[in-house]
N, C-alpha and C. Protein backbone atom coordinates (compact mmCIF):
# COMPACT_ATOMS: atom_id res chain seq x y z
N MET A 1 -33.38 0.48 34.60
CA MET A 1 -32.25 -0.40 34.61
C MET A 1 -30.97 0.24 35.14
N LYS A 2 -30.40 -0.43 36.10
CA LYS A 2 -29.14 0.17 36.75
C LYS A 2 -28.00 -0.52 36.02
N PHE A 3 -26.93 0.29 35.90
CA PHE A 3 -25.61 -0.38 35.47
C PHE A 3 -24.52 0.37 36.23
N GLU A 4 -23.44 -0.43 36.35
CA GLU A 4 -22.27 0.05 37.01
C GLU A 4 -20.96 -0.39 36.30
N ASN A 5 -20.28 0.54 35.77
CA ASN A 5 -18.96 0.16 35.15
C ASN A 5 -17.99 -0.43 36.18
N LYS A 6 -17.25 -1.50 35.91
CA LYS A 6 -16.22 -1.99 36.67
C LYS A 6 -14.95 -2.28 35.89
N VAL A 7 -13.84 -2.46 36.59
CA VAL A 7 -12.68 -2.92 35.89
C VAL A 7 -12.27 -4.29 36.19
N ILE A 8 -12.70 -4.89 37.35
CA ILE A 8 -12.42 -6.31 37.79
C ILE A 8 -13.85 -6.92 38.00
N PRO A 9 -14.04 -8.17 37.57
CA PRO A 9 -15.24 -8.86 37.82
C PRO A 9 -15.31 -9.27 39.31
N SER A 10 -16.58 -9.33 39.83
CA SER A 10 -16.86 -9.70 41.16
C SER A 10 -16.59 -11.16 41.25
N GLU A 11 -16.48 -11.68 42.40
CA GLU A 11 -16.22 -13.09 42.66
C GLU A 11 -17.29 -13.93 42.15
N GLU A 12 -18.56 -13.46 42.23
CA GLU A 12 -19.73 -14.18 41.65
C GLU A 12 -19.61 -14.26 40.11
N GLN A 13 -19.27 -13.11 39.50
CA GLN A 13 -19.17 -13.04 38.09
C GLN A 13 -18.06 -14.05 37.55
N LEU A 14 -16.93 -14.08 38.27
CA LEU A 14 -15.82 -14.85 37.84
C LEU A 14 -16.17 -16.30 38.02
N ASN A 15 -16.80 -16.76 39.13
CA ASN A 15 -17.26 -18.05 39.41
C ASN A 15 -18.25 -18.60 38.28
N GLY A 16 -19.16 -17.63 37.97
CA GLY A 16 -20.08 -17.97 36.90
C GLY A 16 -19.39 -18.28 35.52
N PHE A 17 -18.34 -17.55 35.32
CA PHE A 17 -17.59 -17.70 34.07
C PHE A 17 -16.95 -18.98 34.01
N LEU A 18 -16.28 -19.44 35.28
CA LEU A 18 -15.64 -20.67 35.31
C LEU A 18 -16.38 -21.93 35.45
N GLU A 19 -17.82 -21.79 35.56
CA GLU A 19 -18.65 -22.96 35.70
C GLU A 19 -18.65 -23.88 34.58
N ASN A 20 -18.64 -23.39 33.41
CA ASN A 20 -18.84 -24.17 32.22
C ASN A 20 -17.65 -23.73 31.26
N PRO A 21 -16.37 -24.19 31.49
CA PRO A 21 -15.23 -23.60 30.66
C PRO A 21 -15.33 -23.97 29.25
N ASP A 22 -16.07 -25.03 28.88
CA ASP A 22 -16.07 -25.34 27.49
C ASP A 22 -17.27 -24.75 26.65
N LEU A 23 -17.95 -23.93 27.33
CA LEU A 23 -19.07 -23.25 26.62
C LEU A 23 -18.45 -22.25 25.54
N GLY A 24 -18.90 -22.36 24.26
CA GLY A 24 -18.42 -21.63 23.32
C GLY A 24 -18.79 -22.13 21.97
N PRO A 25 -18.49 -21.25 20.97
CA PRO A 25 -17.81 -20.12 21.00
C PRO A 25 -18.49 -19.02 21.75
N ILE A 26 -17.77 -18.07 22.30
CA ILE A 26 -18.33 -16.89 22.92
C ILE A 26 -17.74 -15.72 22.35
N SER A 27 -18.51 -14.60 22.24
CA SER A 27 -18.05 -13.33 21.84
C SER A 27 -18.29 -12.32 23.07
N MET A 28 -17.22 -11.58 23.34
CA MET A 28 -17.27 -10.60 24.50
C MET A 28 -17.48 -9.26 23.94
N VAL A 29 -18.52 -8.60 24.30
CA VAL A 29 -18.86 -7.24 23.95
C VAL A 29 -18.40 -6.39 25.11
N ASN A 30 -17.38 -5.46 24.81
CA ASN A 30 -16.81 -4.60 25.79
C ASN A 30 -17.29 -3.19 25.52
N LEU A 31 -17.98 -2.57 26.56
CA LEU A 31 -18.34 -1.19 26.48
C LEU A 31 -17.39 -0.46 27.43
N LEU A 32 -16.64 0.36 26.88
CA LEU A 32 -15.36 0.90 27.61
C LEU A 32 -15.52 2.37 27.91
N LYS A 33 -15.24 2.70 29.19
CA LYS A 33 -15.28 4.09 29.65
C LYS A 33 -13.87 4.44 30.04
N TYR A 34 -13.15 5.49 29.52
CA TYR A 34 -11.80 5.74 29.86
C TYR A 34 -11.71 6.79 30.96
N LYS A 35 -10.63 6.72 31.68
CA LYS A 35 -10.23 7.92 32.53
C LYS A 35 -9.85 9.15 31.64
N ASN A 36 -9.96 10.30 32.17
CA ASN A 36 -9.47 11.53 31.50
C ASN A 36 -7.97 11.36 31.47
N LYS A 37 -7.36 11.02 32.45
CA LYS A 37 -5.87 10.89 32.51
C LYS A 37 -5.49 9.59 33.06
N ALA A 38 -4.59 8.89 32.38
CA ALA A 38 -4.19 7.53 32.89
C ALA A 38 -3.60 7.72 34.24
N SER A 39 -3.82 6.57 35.05
CA SER A 39 -3.29 6.56 36.32
C SER A 39 -2.83 5.13 36.66
N TYR A 40 -1.36 5.02 36.68
CA TYR A 40 -0.74 3.71 36.91
C TYR A 40 -0.61 3.37 38.41
N GLU A 41 -0.95 2.22 38.81
CA GLU A 41 -0.74 1.72 40.17
C GLU A 41 0.58 1.85 40.71
N ASP A 42 1.59 1.74 39.76
CA ASP A 42 2.98 1.80 40.25
C ASP A 42 3.42 3.23 40.48
N GLY A 43 2.61 4.21 40.24
CA GLY A 43 2.87 5.57 40.51
C GLY A 43 3.65 6.27 39.38
N ARG A 44 3.98 5.68 38.25
CA ARG A 44 4.76 6.28 37.25
C ARG A 44 4.04 7.59 36.82
N ASN A 45 4.89 8.55 36.41
CA ASN A 45 4.47 9.79 36.02
C ASN A 45 4.08 9.63 34.42
N THR A 46 2.97 10.04 33.93
CA THR A 46 2.61 9.92 32.62
C THR A 46 1.73 11.09 32.19
N ASN A 47 1.81 11.39 30.90
CA ASN A 47 0.97 12.41 30.27
C ASN A 47 -0.12 11.79 29.44
N LEU A 48 -0.24 10.39 29.52
CA LEU A 48 -1.20 9.68 28.63
C LEU A 48 -2.58 9.97 29.20
N THR A 49 -3.58 9.99 28.20
CA THR A 49 -4.92 9.98 28.47
C THR A 49 -5.25 8.60 28.85
N GLY A 50 -6.44 8.32 29.43
CA GLY A 50 -6.84 6.89 29.67
C GLY A 50 -7.01 6.12 28.39
N GLU A 51 -7.52 6.87 27.36
CA GLU A 51 -7.74 6.17 26.04
C GLU A 51 -6.35 5.75 25.48
N GLU A 52 -5.33 6.56 25.59
CA GLU A 52 -4.10 6.31 25.11
C GLU A 52 -3.41 5.14 25.90
N ALA A 53 -3.47 5.14 27.15
CA ALA A 53 -3.00 3.99 27.97
C ALA A 53 -3.63 2.63 27.56
N TYR A 54 -5.12 2.74 27.39
CA TYR A 54 -5.83 1.55 27.04
C TYR A 54 -5.37 1.09 25.62
N GLY A 55 -5.05 2.04 24.74
CA GLY A 55 -4.62 1.74 23.42
C GLY A 55 -3.31 0.85 23.41
N LEU A 56 -2.35 1.10 24.36
CA LEU A 56 -1.23 0.30 24.55
C LEU A 56 -1.58 -1.15 24.85
N TYR A 57 -2.52 -1.32 25.69
CA TYR A 57 -3.06 -2.69 26.03
C TYR A 57 -3.78 -3.27 24.89
N ALA A 58 -4.59 -2.51 24.01
CA ALA A 58 -5.35 -3.08 22.99
C ALA A 58 -4.49 -3.59 21.81
N ILE A 59 -3.36 -2.86 21.57
CA ILE A 59 -2.50 -3.29 20.48
C ILE A 59 -1.94 -4.68 20.83
N GLU A 60 -1.54 -4.95 22.03
CA GLU A 60 -0.91 -6.19 22.43
C GLU A 60 -2.02 -7.29 22.63
N VAL A 61 -3.15 -6.92 23.17
CA VAL A 61 -4.13 -7.98 23.48
C VAL A 61 -4.63 -8.70 22.31
N ILE A 62 -4.72 -7.95 21.13
CA ILE A 62 -5.18 -8.60 19.90
C ILE A 62 -4.39 -9.80 19.60
N ASN A 63 -2.95 -9.65 19.67
CA ASN A 63 -2.07 -10.84 19.41
C ASN A 63 -2.43 -12.01 20.44
N LEU A 64 -2.72 -11.61 21.60
CA LEU A 64 -2.94 -12.73 22.65
C LEU A 64 -4.30 -13.41 22.32
N VAL A 65 -5.37 -12.65 21.89
CA VAL A 65 -6.68 -13.19 21.49
C VAL A 65 -6.37 -14.26 20.44
N GLU A 66 -5.61 -13.93 19.48
CA GLU A 66 -5.32 -14.89 18.33
C GLU A 66 -4.51 -16.03 18.77
N LYS A 67 -3.56 -15.83 19.72
CA LYS A 67 -2.76 -16.92 20.22
C LYS A 67 -3.59 -17.95 20.97
N TYR A 68 -4.73 -17.58 21.46
CA TYR A 68 -5.66 -18.53 22.15
C TYR A 68 -6.81 -18.95 21.25
N GLY A 69 -6.73 -18.78 19.98
CA GLY A 69 -7.66 -19.28 19.03
C GLY A 69 -8.75 -18.35 18.72
N GLY A 70 -8.74 -17.17 19.34
CA GLY A 70 -9.87 -16.24 19.17
C GLY A 70 -9.58 -15.26 17.96
N GLU A 71 -10.52 -14.31 17.89
CA GLU A 71 -10.32 -13.24 16.78
C GLU A 71 -10.88 -12.03 17.22
N PHE A 72 -10.23 -10.96 16.87
CA PHE A 72 -10.76 -9.61 17.12
C PHE A 72 -11.81 -9.33 16.10
N ILE A 73 -13.00 -8.97 16.53
CA ILE A 73 -14.04 -8.63 15.57
C ILE A 73 -14.39 -7.32 15.18
N PHE A 74 -14.26 -6.41 16.28
CA PHE A 74 -14.62 -5.02 16.02
C PHE A 74 -14.18 -4.03 17.13
N ALA A 75 -13.80 -2.82 16.71
CA ALA A 75 -13.61 -1.78 17.77
C ALA A 75 -13.93 -0.52 17.08
N GLY A 76 -14.68 0.34 17.91
CA GLY A 76 -15.06 1.60 17.34
C GLY A 76 -15.43 2.58 18.52
N LYS A 77 -15.35 3.85 18.25
CA LYS A 77 -15.66 4.94 19.15
C LYS A 77 -17.21 5.07 19.18
N VAL A 78 -17.71 5.29 20.35
CA VAL A 78 -19.17 5.53 20.49
C VAL A 78 -19.41 7.01 20.02
N ASN A 79 -20.35 7.16 19.08
CA ASN A 79 -20.70 8.46 18.58
C ASN A 79 -21.85 9.10 19.27
N ARG A 80 -22.97 8.35 19.25
CA ARG A 80 -24.19 8.86 19.92
C ARG A 80 -25.11 7.64 20.25
N LEU A 81 -26.08 7.88 20.91
CA LEU A 81 -27.10 6.89 21.35
C LEU A 81 -28.24 7.03 20.34
N MET A 82 -28.49 5.97 19.64
CA MET A 82 -29.50 5.85 18.67
C MET A 82 -30.93 5.60 19.22
N LEU A 83 -30.82 4.81 20.27
CA LEU A 83 -32.10 4.38 20.86
C LEU A 83 -31.92 4.13 22.39
N GLY A 84 -32.89 4.48 23.14
CA GLY A 84 -32.82 4.35 24.67
C GLY A 84 -32.30 5.51 25.34
N GLU A 85 -32.00 5.36 26.55
CA GLU A 85 -31.51 6.46 27.42
C GLU A 85 -30.51 5.87 28.48
N VAL A 86 -29.41 6.60 28.58
CA VAL A 86 -28.49 6.33 29.67
C VAL A 86 -27.94 7.63 30.14
N ASP A 87 -27.42 7.69 31.33
CA ASP A 87 -26.96 9.02 31.88
C ASP A 87 -25.65 9.46 31.19
N GLU A 88 -24.85 8.49 30.81
CA GLU A 88 -23.55 8.76 30.24
C GLU A 88 -23.24 7.70 29.20
N LEU A 89 -22.76 8.04 28.10
CA LEU A 89 -22.34 7.02 27.05
C LEU A 89 -20.96 6.43 27.36
N TRP A 90 -20.75 5.25 26.97
CA TRP A 90 -19.36 4.75 26.99
C TRP A 90 -18.53 5.33 25.80
N ASP A 91 -17.25 5.30 25.89
CA ASP A 91 -16.34 5.83 25.00
C ASP A 91 -16.11 5.07 23.71
N SER A 92 -16.00 3.77 23.95
CA SER A 92 -15.73 2.76 22.81
C SER A 92 -16.39 1.48 23.03
N VAL A 93 -16.48 0.82 21.84
CA VAL A 93 -17.03 -0.62 21.97
C VAL A 93 -15.94 -1.51 21.22
N ALA A 94 -15.68 -2.66 21.86
CA ALA A 94 -14.81 -3.60 21.23
C ALA A 94 -15.44 -5.06 21.35
N ILE A 95 -15.19 -5.91 20.41
CA ILE A 95 -15.81 -7.28 20.41
C ILE A 95 -14.75 -8.21 20.02
N ALA A 96 -14.59 -9.32 20.87
CA ALA A 96 -13.54 -10.25 20.63
C ALA A 96 -14.30 -11.65 20.71
N LYS A 97 -13.93 -12.64 19.86
CA LYS A 97 -14.56 -13.93 19.83
C LYS A 97 -13.52 -14.93 20.28
N TYR A 98 -13.96 -15.83 21.10
CA TYR A 98 -13.03 -16.96 21.62
C TYR A 98 -13.70 -18.27 21.40
N PRO A 99 -12.84 -19.28 21.22
CA PRO A 99 -13.44 -20.59 21.04
C PRO A 99 -14.32 -21.12 22.18
N ASN A 100 -13.92 -20.77 23.30
CA ASN A 100 -14.69 -21.06 24.54
C ASN A 100 -14.23 -20.17 25.80
N ARG A 101 -14.86 -20.38 26.81
CA ARG A 101 -14.52 -19.63 28.10
C ARG A 101 -13.15 -19.92 28.52
N ARG A 102 -12.72 -21.27 28.37
CA ARG A 102 -11.43 -21.72 28.89
C ARG A 102 -10.33 -20.89 28.11
N ALA A 103 -10.53 -20.68 26.81
CA ALA A 103 -9.47 -20.07 26.06
C ALA A 103 -9.25 -18.59 26.57
N MET A 104 -10.48 -17.94 26.83
CA MET A 104 -10.28 -16.55 27.30
C MET A 104 -9.71 -16.51 28.72
N PHE A 105 -10.08 -17.41 29.62
CA PHE A 105 -9.50 -17.47 30.89
C PHE A 105 -8.01 -17.70 30.82
N GLU A 106 -7.63 -18.73 30.06
CA GLU A 106 -6.11 -18.99 29.89
C GLU A 106 -5.37 -17.83 29.38
N MET A 107 -5.91 -17.08 28.48
CA MET A 107 -5.38 -15.90 27.92
C MET A 107 -5.11 -14.83 29.12
N THR A 108 -6.04 -14.73 30.03
CA THR A 108 -5.81 -13.76 30.97
C THR A 108 -4.81 -14.17 32.04
N MET A 109 -4.47 -15.56 32.09
CA MET A 109 -3.48 -16.03 33.01
C MET A 109 -2.13 -16.04 32.39
N ASP A 110 -2.04 -15.77 31.05
CA ASP A 110 -0.74 -15.75 30.41
C ASP A 110 0.18 -14.66 30.89
N PRO A 111 1.48 -14.91 31.13
CA PRO A 111 2.36 -13.91 31.62
C PRO A 111 2.47 -12.64 30.69
N GLU A 112 2.32 -12.80 29.41
CA GLU A 112 2.22 -11.74 28.40
C GLU A 112 1.04 -10.88 28.73
N TYR A 113 -0.08 -11.49 28.98
CA TYR A 113 -1.27 -10.67 29.33
C TYR A 113 -1.03 -9.91 30.66
N GLN A 114 -0.56 -10.54 31.74
CA GLN A 114 -0.33 -9.96 32.93
C GLN A 114 0.54 -8.74 32.84
N LYS A 115 1.55 -8.85 31.87
CA LYS A 115 2.52 -7.69 31.64
C LYS A 115 1.78 -6.43 31.10
N ILE A 116 0.80 -6.65 30.21
CA ILE A 116 0.15 -5.59 29.55
C ILE A 116 -1.09 -5.05 30.27
N HIS A 117 -1.57 -5.84 31.17
CA HIS A 117 -2.84 -5.62 31.94
C HIS A 117 -2.66 -4.20 32.59
N ILE A 118 -1.51 -3.82 33.02
CA ILE A 118 -1.22 -2.52 33.76
C ILE A 118 -1.79 -1.34 32.97
N HIS A 119 -1.66 -1.38 31.61
CA HIS A 119 -2.21 -0.28 30.79
C HIS A 119 -3.76 -0.32 30.74
N ARG A 120 -4.30 -1.40 30.80
CA ARG A 120 -5.81 -1.50 30.81
C ARG A 120 -6.29 -0.89 32.09
N ASP A 121 -5.68 -1.35 33.25
CA ASP A 121 -6.04 -0.75 34.56
C ASP A 121 -5.80 0.81 34.60
N ALA A 122 -4.75 1.24 34.02
CA ALA A 122 -4.33 2.70 34.01
C ALA A 122 -5.42 3.50 33.19
N GLY A 123 -5.89 2.94 32.15
CA GLY A 123 -6.66 3.69 31.27
C GLY A 123 -8.20 3.65 31.51
N LEU A 124 -8.69 2.50 32.07
CA LEU A 124 -10.14 2.39 32.12
C LEU A 124 -10.68 2.91 33.44
N ALA A 125 -11.80 3.63 33.33
CA ALA A 125 -12.54 4.07 34.45
C ALA A 125 -13.39 2.96 34.74
N GLY A 126 -13.84 2.15 33.82
CA GLY A 126 -14.72 0.99 33.99
C GLY A 126 -15.23 0.55 32.67
N GLN A 127 -16.01 -0.57 32.76
CA GLN A 127 -16.53 -1.11 31.54
C GLN A 127 -17.65 -2.11 31.84
N LEU A 128 -18.42 -2.42 30.84
CA LEU A 128 -19.30 -3.53 30.86
C LEU A 128 -18.74 -4.61 29.89
N ASN A 129 -18.65 -5.76 30.35
CA ASN A 129 -18.12 -6.87 29.56
C ASN A 129 -19.26 -7.94 29.46
N ILE A 130 -19.87 -8.01 28.27
CA ILE A 130 -21.02 -8.84 28.02
C ILE A 130 -20.73 -10.12 27.26
N GLU A 131 -20.94 -11.26 27.79
CA GLU A 131 -20.66 -12.50 27.07
C GLU A 131 -21.92 -12.83 26.21
N THR A 132 -21.60 -13.21 25.04
CA THR A 132 -22.70 -13.67 24.04
C THR A 132 -22.33 -15.02 23.54
N ILE A 133 -23.38 -15.84 23.22
CA ILE A 133 -23.14 -17.18 22.64
C ILE A 133 -23.90 -17.37 21.34
């Protein structure tokens, strides 16, 4: 099985997500891989690790998930692999539940979300974002 961490969905993935906006509730399982050092697109100088930068995003995104009718279910650091094999483990796992795809999409279009998204991009080397119903 091949996997590839990404920060932004492909056009095909985004279109698939938008196909049935009322599908839900959905839970999004996030397998997160952090950069060693945060790197901001605006070139700002920072001493933050990738995990610390992502943490700035995570604190704020929880409020936005709730604003759009969702709930934050779980977050934890990956400790070890219990079963199976991968070349490299993810650093953290987070799960958020939304009433439907539309709610999650609308959250990502919210100006508040756009404002904090810079920390997500600065901190993440990539992730797998898995939709479950």
